[in-house]
Protein backbone atom coordinates (compact mmCIF):
# COMPACT_ATOMS: atom_id res chain seq x y z
CA MET A 1 32.69 -14.97 7.25
CA VAL A 2 32.88 -10.92 8.26
CA MET A 3 29.20 -9.61 7.61
CA ALA A 4 28.91 -5.68 7.10
CA LEU A 5 26.97 -4.89 10.65
CA ALA A 6 28.46 -7.97 12.90
CA GLY A 7 28.01 -6.14 16.40
CA ILE A 8 25.45 -3.37 15.55
CA LYS A 9 22.83 -4.30 17.92
CA VAL A 10 19.05 -2.91 16.77
CA LEU A 11 16.03 -3.51 19.00
CA ASP A 12 12.87 -3.19 16.70
CA LEU A 13 9.43 -1.83 18.53
CA SER A 14 7.61 -1.81 15.00
CA ARG A 15 5.21 -3.62 14.29
CA LEU A 16 3.51 -3.08 10.37
CA ALA A 17 5.79 -3.25 7.40
CA PRO A 18 7.73 -0.89 7.21
CA GLY A 19 9.60 -1.09 10.13
CA PRO A 20 10.37 -4.86 9.86
CA HIS A 21 11.56 -4.51 6.46
CA CYS A 22 14.06 -2.01 7.53
CA SER A 23 15.43 -4.07 10.32
CA MET A 24 15.50 -7.07 8.19
CA LEU A 25 17.82 -5.60 5.85
CA LEU A 26 20.05 -4.80 8.03
CA ALA A 27 19.56 -8.13 10.04
CA ASP A 28 20.42 -9.52 6.17
CA PHE A 29 23.90 -7.69 6.62
CA GLY A 30 24.51 -8.93 10.27
CA ALA A 31 23.16 -6.60 12.70
CA ASP A 32 21.94 -8.25 15.95
CA VAL A 33 18.28 -7.42 15.31
CA THR A 34 15.84 -8.58 18.79
CA LEU A 35 12.17 -8.43 18.07
CA VAL A 36 10.55 -5.89 21.21
CA GLU A 37 7.07 -7.57 21.26
CA ALA A 38 3.66 -7.27 23.00
CA VAL A 39 2.90 -9.56 25.29
CA PRO A 40 -0.03 -11.24 23.70
CA GLY A 41 -3.37 -9.77 25.34
CA SER A 42 -1.46 -6.54 27.02
CA SER A 43 -2.48 -4.11 24.31
CA ALA A 44 -4.47 -4.21 21.08
CA LYS A 45 -2.79 -1.72 19.48
CA LEU A 46 0.40 -2.80 20.48
CA GLY A 47 -0.01 -6.41 19.73
CA GLY A 48 2.72 -8.56 18.91
CA SER A 49 2.54 -11.12 15.78
CA GLY A 50 0.97 -14.38 17.28
CA GLY A 51 0.86 -16.76 19.90
CA MET A 52 4.14 -18.17 21.66
CA ARG A 53 3.62 -21.52 21.91
CA ARG A 54 5.10 -23.58 19.01
CA SER A 55 2.56 -25.07 16.95
CA GLU A 56 2.86 -26.23 13.28
CA ALA A 57 0.72 -23.34 11.98
CA ALA A 58 2.87 -20.85 14.05
CA ASP A 59 6.57 -22.39 12.52
CA HIS A 60 4.74 -22.42 8.87
CA ALA A 61 3.74 -18.69 9.52
CA ALA A 62 7.42 -17.98 11.18
CA ALA A 63 9.28 -19.86 8.81
CA TYR A 64 7.38 -17.73 5.55
CA ASN A 65 7.06 -14.65 7.32
CA ALA A 66 10.76 -13.31 5.24
CA LEU A 67 10.13 -9.97 7.32
CA GLY A 68 11.46 -11.62 10.75
CA ARG A 69 14.37 -13.67 9.25
CA GLY A 70 17.46 -13.02 11.03
CA LYS A 71 15.90 -12.13 14.44
CA LYS A 72 15.16 -12.80 17.89
CA SER A 73 12.02 -12.13 19.84
CA ILE A 74 11.37 -10.58 23.46
CA ALA A 75 7.85 -10.07 24.69
CA LEU A 76 7.37 -6.98 27.06
CA ASN A 77 4.33 -5.68 28.22
CA LEU A 78 5.98 -1.74 28.28
CA LYS A 79 3.10 -0.33 29.55
CA GLU A 80 4.46 -1.90 33.44
CA ASP A 81 7.71 -0.16 35.04
CA ALA A 82 9.55 -3.61 35.26
CA ALA A 83 9.25 -4.42 31.82
CA LYS A 84 10.28 -0.93 31.03
CA ALA A 85 13.02 -1.89 33.51
CA VAL A 86 14.23 -4.73 31.41
CA PHE A 87 14.11 -2.50 28.13
CA TYR A 88 16.37 0.25 29.62
CA GLU A 89 19.01 -2.58 30.24
CA MET A 90 18.56 -3.72 26.90
CA VAL A 91 19.37 -0.12 25.33
CA LYS A 92 22.20 0.11 27.14
CA SER A 93 23.77 -1.87 25.12
CA ALA A 94 22.16 -1.19 21.64
CA ASP A 95 23.00 0.79 18.77
CA VAL A 96 19.55 1.15 17.30
CA VAL A 97 16.09 1.72 18.35
CA ILE A 98 13.55 1.11 15.95
CA GLU A 99 9.48 2.62 16.12
CA GLY A 100 6.55 3.21 13.85
CA PHE A 101 4.00 3.88 16.05
CA ARG A 102 1.96 7.13 15.87
CA PRO A 103 3.91 10.35 17.18
CA GLY A 104 4.08 10.18 20.79
CA VAL A 105 3.38 7.33 21.67
CA VAL A 106 6.99 6.55 22.65
CA LYS A 107 6.92 9.17 24.65
CA ARG A 108 3.77 8.11 26.54
CA LEU A 109 6.03 4.66 26.78
CA GLY A 110 8.88 6.56 27.83
CA VAL A 111 11.33 4.44 25.25
CA ASP A 112 11.33 7.99 23.42
CA TYR A 113 14.53 9.40 22.11
CA ASP A 114 15.40 11.74 24.88
CA THR A 115 14.41 9.17 27.59
CA LEU A 116 16.69 6.32 25.83
CA ALA A 117 19.79 9.27 25.09
CA LYS A 118 19.89 9.47 28.76
CA ILE A 119 20.76 6.08 29.69
CA ASN A 120 23.00 5.53 26.35
CA PRO A 121 24.10 8.56 24.49
CA ARG A 122 25.21 6.38 21.24
CA ILE A 123 21.87 5.23 20.77
CA ILE A 124 20.18 6.07 17.30
CA CYS A 125 16.86 6.18 17.51
CA CYS A 126 14.72 5.70 14.06
CA SER A 127 10.59 6.28 14.01
CA ILE A 128 8.91 5.77 11.08
CA SER A 129 5.54 6.83 10.37
CA GLY A 130 3.46 7.60 7.77
CA PHE A 131 3.82 11.36 7.48
CA GLY A 132 6.64 12.02 10.00
CA GLN A 133 6.82 13.34 13.26
CA THR A 134 5.95 17.30 12.57
CA GLY A 135 3.87 19.53 10.42
CA PRO A 136 -0.13 19.38 9.94
CA TYR A 137 -0.20 15.75 8.83
CA SER A 138 2.04 14.17 11.59
CA ASN A 139 -0.94 13.02 13.48
CA LEU A 140 -3.57 11.31 10.60
CA VAL A 141 -3.67 8.11 10.01
CA GLY A 142 -2.81 6.80 7.23
CA HIS A 143 -1.64 3.71 4.79
CA ASP A 144 0.92 3.01 1.33
CA ILE A 145 -1.64 4.42 -1.16
CA ASN A 146 -2.35 7.81 1.10
CA TYR A 147 1.12 8.49 1.37
CA ILE A 148 2.02 7.95 -2.12
CA SER A 149 -0.66 10.25 -2.96
CA VAL A 150 0.92 12.87 -0.71
CA GLY A 151 4.04 12.11 -1.53
CA GLY A 152 3.21 12.87 -5.43
CA ALA A 153 3.74 9.17 -6.89
CA LEU A 154 -0.13 8.12 -7.30
CA GLY A 155 -0.31 11.43 -9.30
CA VAL A 156 1.49 10.26 -11.87
CA THR A 157 0.66 6.96 -12.03
CA GLY A 158 -2.25 5.48 -14.91
CA ARG A 159 -3.25 5.99 -18.24
CA PRO A 160 -5.34 9.47 -19.37
CA GLY A 161 -8.95 10.07 -18.10
CA GLN A 162 -8.85 6.61 -15.90
CA ALA A 163 -8.52 6.48 -12.26
CA PRO A 164 -5.06 6.36 -11.36
CA ALA A 165 -2.94 3.12 -10.93
CA ILE A 166 -2.78 1.77 -7.35
CA PRO A 167 0.27 -0.38 -7.04
CA VAL A 168 0.79 -2.94 -4.10
CA ASN A 169 2.00 -1.16 -1.10
CA LEU A 170 5.75 -1.19 -2.73
CA VAL A 171 6.24 2.84 -2.62
CA ALA A 172 5.67 4.12 0.33
CA ASP A 173 6.25 1.18 2.67
CA PHE A 174 8.98 -0.28 1.32
CA ALA A 175 10.96 2.10 -0.27
CA GLY A 176 9.69 5.12 1.30
CA GLY A 177 10.07 3.59 4.63
CA GLY A 178 11.62 0.32 5.03
CA LEU A 179 14.57 1.08 2.80
CA THR A 180 14.90 4.88 3.38
CA ALA A 181 15.16 4.32 7.35
CA ALA A 182 18.13 1.53 6.85
CA PHE A 183 19.86 3.60 4.84
CA ALA A 184 19.45 6.46 7.65
CA ILE A 185 20.27 4.41 10.10
CA CYS A 186 23.35 2.96 8.59
CA VAL A 187 23.90 7.06 8.06
CA ALA A 188 23.49 7.81 11.78
CA ILE A 189 26.15 4.85 12.69
CA ILE A 190 28.65 6.71 10.34
CA ALA A 191 27.84 9.63 11.87
CA ARG A 192 28.11 8.32 15.39
CA GLU A 193 31.75 7.49 15.00
CA LYS A 194 32.53 10.94 13.86
CA THR A 195 30.83 12.73 16.53
CA GLY A 196 30.50 9.89 19.12
CA ARG A 197 26.54 10.70 19.90
CA GLY A 198 23.93 8.99 18.84
CA GLN A 199 20.43 10.58 17.24
CA ASN A 200 17.18 10.74 16.47
CA VAL A 201 16.03 9.67 12.89
CA ASP A 202 12.50 10.90 11.86
CA ILE A 203 11.65 8.72 8.44
CA GLY A 204 8.21 10.02 7.32
CA MET A 205 7.02 7.92 4.40
CA SER A 206 5.20 10.48 2.37
CA ASP A 207 8.95 12.33 2.52
CA GLY A 208 10.93 8.98 1.41
CA VAL A 209 8.24 9.07 -1.67
CA LEU A 210 8.58 12.78 -2.29
CA SER A 211 12.53 11.88 -2.15
CA LEU A 212 12.18 9.12 -4.78
CA MET A 213 10.80 12.24 -7.12
CA THR A 214 13.48 14.56 -6.60
CA SER A 215 14.35 14.31 -10.66
CA ALA A 216 10.68 13.91 -11.87
CA PHE A 217 10.22 17.55 -9.79
CA SER A 218 13.85 18.81 -11.35
CA GLY A 219 12.01 19.20 -14.68
CA TYR A 220 9.55 20.85 -12.56
CA PHE A 221 11.25 23.43 -10.91
CA GLY A 222 13.13 24.03 -13.71
CA GLY A 223 10.98 24.56 -16.42
CA GLY A 224 7.54 24.05 -14.96
CA SER A 225 6.76 20.53 -16.92
CA VAL A 226 4.73 19.05 -15.28
CA ILE A 227 3.76 14.75 -15.33
CA ARG A 228 0.27 14.01 -16.07
CA PRO A 229 -0.67 9.66 -15.85
CA GLY A 230 0.01 8.48 -19.23
CA ALA A 231 1.12 11.40 -20.80
CA THR A 232 4.53 11.53 -20.74
CA LEU A 233 7.85 9.83 -22.42
CA LEU A 234 8.48 7.76 -19.12
CA ASN A 235 4.95 7.12 -17.86
CA GLY A 236 2.77 5.35 -20.94
CA ALA A 237 2.24 8.12 -23.67
CA ALA A 238 5.39 6.96 -25.87
CA PRO A 239 5.24 3.71 -27.99
CA PHE A 240 8.69 3.16 -27.07
CA TYR A 241 8.65 3.15 -23.51
CA ASN A 242 5.19 1.31 -23.03
CA THR A 243 4.17 -2.78 -22.60
CA TYR A 244 1.68 -4.40 -24.60
CA GLU A 245 -0.43 -7.45 -24.51
CA CYS A 246 0.67 -10.96 -26.45
CA SER A 247 -1.06 -13.84 -28.17
CA ASP A 248 -0.84 -15.82 -24.39
CA GLY A 249 -2.41 -12.90 -22.75
CA ARG A 250 0.52 -11.95 -20.91
CA TRP A 251 2.18 -8.44 -20.99
CA PHE A 252 5.66 -7.47 -22.70
CA SER A 253 7.65 -4.38 -21.88
CA ILE A 254 9.95 -2.65 -24.03
CA GLY A 255 12.22 1.02 -23.10
CA SER A 256 14.30 1.20 -26.11
CA ILE A 257 14.18 4.96 -25.61
CA GLU A 258 18.01 5.66 -27.12
CA SER A 259 17.56 6.08 -30.61
CA HIS A 260 19.83 3.22 -31.83
CA PHE A 261 17.48 0.89 -29.33
CA TRP A 262 14.65 1.99 -31.02
CA ALA A 263 16.08 1.69 -34.66
CA ALA A 264 16.80 -2.13 -33.76
CA LEU A 265 13.35 -2.67 -32.34
CA CYS A 266 11.66 -1.45 -35.55
CA THR A 267 14.20 -3.30 -37.74
CA VAL A 268 13.52 -6.75 -36.01
CA ILE A 269 9.27 -6.28 -35.59
CA GLY A 270 9.39 -4.25 -39.83
CA THR A 271 8.47 -1.17 -38.64
CA GLU A 272 11.59 0.44 -40.19
CA ASP A 273 9.16 3.24 -41.63
CA LEU A 274 8.61 4.72 -38.01
CA LEU A 275 12.87 5.31 -37.78
CA PRO A 276 12.43 9.02 -38.60
CA LYS A 277 8.79 9.30 -36.07
CA GLN A 278 10.24 8.42 -32.93
CA PHE A 279 9.92 11.40 -31.04
CA ASN A 280 7.54 13.03 -33.50
CA GLN A 281 4.18 12.89 -30.62
CA ASP A 282 1.62 13.20 -32.78
CA GLU A 283 2.67 9.99 -33.87
CA TRP A 284 2.68 7.87 -30.84
CA PRO A 285 -1.43 7.00 -30.55
CA ALA A 286 -1.48 5.68 -34.23
CA THR A 287 2.46 3.95 -33.16
CA ILE A 288 0.99 2.18 -30.28
CA GLU A 289 -1.90 0.95 -32.35
CA ARG A 290 0.28 -0.46 -34.87
CA PHE A 291 2.18 -2.10 -31.82
CA LYS A 292 -0.77 -3.08 -30.20
CA GLY A 293 -1.30 -5.26 -33.06
CA ILE A 294 2.20 -6.85 -33.49
CA PHE A 295 2.86 -7.55 -30.16
CA LYS A 296 -0.54 -10.08 -30.52
CA GLN A 297 1.25 -12.28 -32.60
CA LYS A 298 3.40 -14.08 -30.25
CA THR A 299 3.74 -15.39 -27.10
CA ALA A 300 5.36 -12.96 -24.38
CA ASP A 301 8.64 -15.97 -24.29
CA GLU A 302 8.28 -15.87 -28.32
CA TRP A 303 9.14 -12.20 -28.04
CA MET A 304 11.47 -12.35 -25.50
CA ALA A 305 13.41 -15.26 -27.05
CA ILE A 306 13.49 -12.83 -30.07
CA MET A 307 14.43 -9.67 -28.78
CA SER A 308 17.28 -11.07 -26.55
CA GLN A 309 18.89 -11.83 -29.23
CA HIS A 310 18.81 -7.74 -30.33
CA ASP A 311 20.52 -5.14 -28.77
CA ILE A 312 16.84 -3.92 -27.55
CA CYS A 313 15.52 -3.06 -23.94
CA ALA A 314 12.94 -5.34 -23.52
CA ALA A 315 11.58 -7.70 -21.36
CA PRO A 316 8.25 -9.65 -19.78
CA VAL A 317 5.83 -8.72 -17.54
CA LEU A 318 6.81 -11.25 -15.63
CA GLU A 319 3.79 -12.67 -12.94
CA MET A 320 4.77 -13.65 -9.33
CA GLU A 321 4.79 -17.14 -10.48
CA ASN A 322 7.02 -16.41 -13.08
CA VAL A 323 9.36 -14.25 -11.18
CA VAL A 324 10.57 -16.89 -8.91
CA THR A 325 11.57 -19.26 -12.10
CA ASN A 326 13.13 -16.50 -13.66
CA GLU A 327 16.49 -17.96 -14.73
CA HIS A 328 18.11 -14.69 -14.27
CA ASN A 329 16.52 -13.90 -10.78
CA LEU A 330 17.66 -17.24 -9.86
CA ALA A 331 21.56 -17.16 -11.26
CA ARG A 332 21.25 -13.39 -9.19
CA GLY A 333 20.73 -15.70 -6.00
CA MET A 334 17.29 -13.41 -5.89
CA VAL A 335 15.17 -16.94 -4.66
CA VAL A 336 17.16 -18.58 -1.90
CA GLU A 337 16.36 -21.61 0.54
CA VAL A 338 16.26 -20.87 4.33
CA ASP A 339 16.44 -23.64 7.28
CA SER A 340 13.35 -23.60 9.45
CA PRO A 341 11.95 -25.56 11.70
CA ILE A 342 9.20 -27.49 9.20
CA GLY A 343 12.72 -27.90 7.16
CA LYS A 344 14.43 -25.71 4.37
CA VAL A 345 11.94 -22.64 3.00
CA LYS A 346 12.33 -20.48 0.35
CA GLN A 347 12.38 -16.39 0.24
CA ILE A 348 13.18 -13.81 -1.72
CA GLY A 349 17.38 -12.94 -1.50
CA VAL A 350 19.44 -9.90 -0.79
CA GLY A 351 19.42 -7.10 -3.22
CA PRO A 352 23.06 -5.97 -2.43
CA LYS A 353 25.61 -7.57 -3.69
CA LEU A 354 28.98 -7.00 -1.57
CA SER A 355 31.92 -8.52 -3.09
CA ASP A 356 33.50 -8.92 0.93
CA THR A 357 31.02 -8.41 3.37
CA PRO A 358 27.90 -9.73 1.30
CA GLY A 359 24.38 -10.27 3.47
CA GLU A 360 22.38 -13.32 3.60
CA PRO A 361 18.81 -14.71 5.23
CA ARG A 362 20.87 -16.25 8.48
CA PHE A 363 17.79 -17.52 9.91
CA THR A 364 14.25 -17.48 9.98
CA SER A 365 11.43 -15.14 12.01
CA PRO A 366 10.79 -16.68 15.61
CA ILE A 367 8.24 -17.02 17.25
CA LEU A 368 6.87 -14.41 19.66
CA GLY A 369 8.76 -14.70 22.78
CA GLN A 370 11.17 -17.06 21.73
CA HIS A 371 14.59 -15.79 23.11
CA THR A 372 12.49 -13.82 25.91
CA ASP A 373 14.49 -16.61 28.59
CA GLU A 374 18.07 -16.14 26.50
CA VAL A 375 18.05 -12.00 26.70
CA LEU A 376 17.11 -11.77 30.70
CA LYS A 377 19.38 -14.14 31.47
CA GLY A 378 22.06 -12.08 29.47
CA LEU A 379 20.66 -9.03 31.03
CA GLY A 380 21.46 -11.01 34.48
CA TYR A 381 18.18 -12.34 35.10
CA ASP A 382 17.69 -15.70 37.01
CA ASP A 383 15.18 -18.22 36.51
CA ALA A 384 13.12 -17.50 39.78
CA ARG A 385 12.73 -13.50 38.46
CA ILE A 386 11.94 -14.58 34.98
CA ALA A 387 9.56 -16.80 36.20
CA ALA A 388 8.17 -14.45 38.55
CA LEU A 389 8.05 -11.79 35.63
CA ARG A 390 6.58 -14.37 33.67
CA GLU A 391 3.81 -14.92 36.18
CA ALA A 392 2.62 -10.94 36.47
CA GLY A 393 2.51 -10.84 32.45
CA THR A 394 4.93 -8.45 32.74
CA VAL A 395 6.78 -10.41 29.89
CA GLY A 396 5.87 -13.48 27.61
């Protein structure tokens, strides 16, 4: 099977979620990804993902580390010149380098874009950081909650008069960071076909979050309309775009915005008197209370069985244990089994469905440094030289 990114070599220096997610997406579509991890003990800040020795616990952790799937691993102490020499050799035949350190770290290590482009002018370097490589916030530390704060997503999420609702770290780390970086890398690869040159890619997760809010800010720029938590049609104020608790304590989502969907909803739940009042905002609070009482009468699964027979935008709010057994998610290949040293393990599948060059998780995550010898031998290092490098703590 031909894979879309077959032949693209990626060196991944990143550690935390956004970078590994980015390289996982590339690996799922055939990119040859090598994790360049730190030799254990060489640096607390540059530390790798665990010990190098195989054990039942290490194999189990690697098998279920979906972010590491489809990748190889080499351990290098990039503080040493001999390790940098190895990395530079790898760069000569690479297409992409990914890093997720704070701004300035790769420059100090001697693995920044300007340095690497002299070795390989076609190299694409992608830096993923919280606030980007420039600007007054660039050197600030942070996590997803901080990036979605600056990018605007947290400020529109929640209920009126309540604290902002804190989502799991999906918006900045994975969407604004990893997914945006993978998209940008693919764009840079296409651009290289036109220019013959690589380039530097600067991914600020707060930028990625703000980019996700392009449509929301179009309304603000065009008419001055602002979104407040739980106060607008799409974030909790409208009864027809909301969630309701069911008799079993689970929740059910309704998204019947268009008039024909609203009509179908009202017909099914016996509220035809509300048909002409859909967009009367003064009626919304009372309608929500009425809907709360109605949805409390049946379980979430019962409501789904009813709603799915009609033209209604509706679905149960699935808990994690129900997501991975849901018939639709299974039919779409979004829960897969991957071979590993401990047997077949379940992981989340590949989102984009390409008809000719589909992606797939090819193998599970490596143990730290698992492919060090293989990579070094591919660069022309013999056993004696590899042993000397390992003895010196240069590689692991």
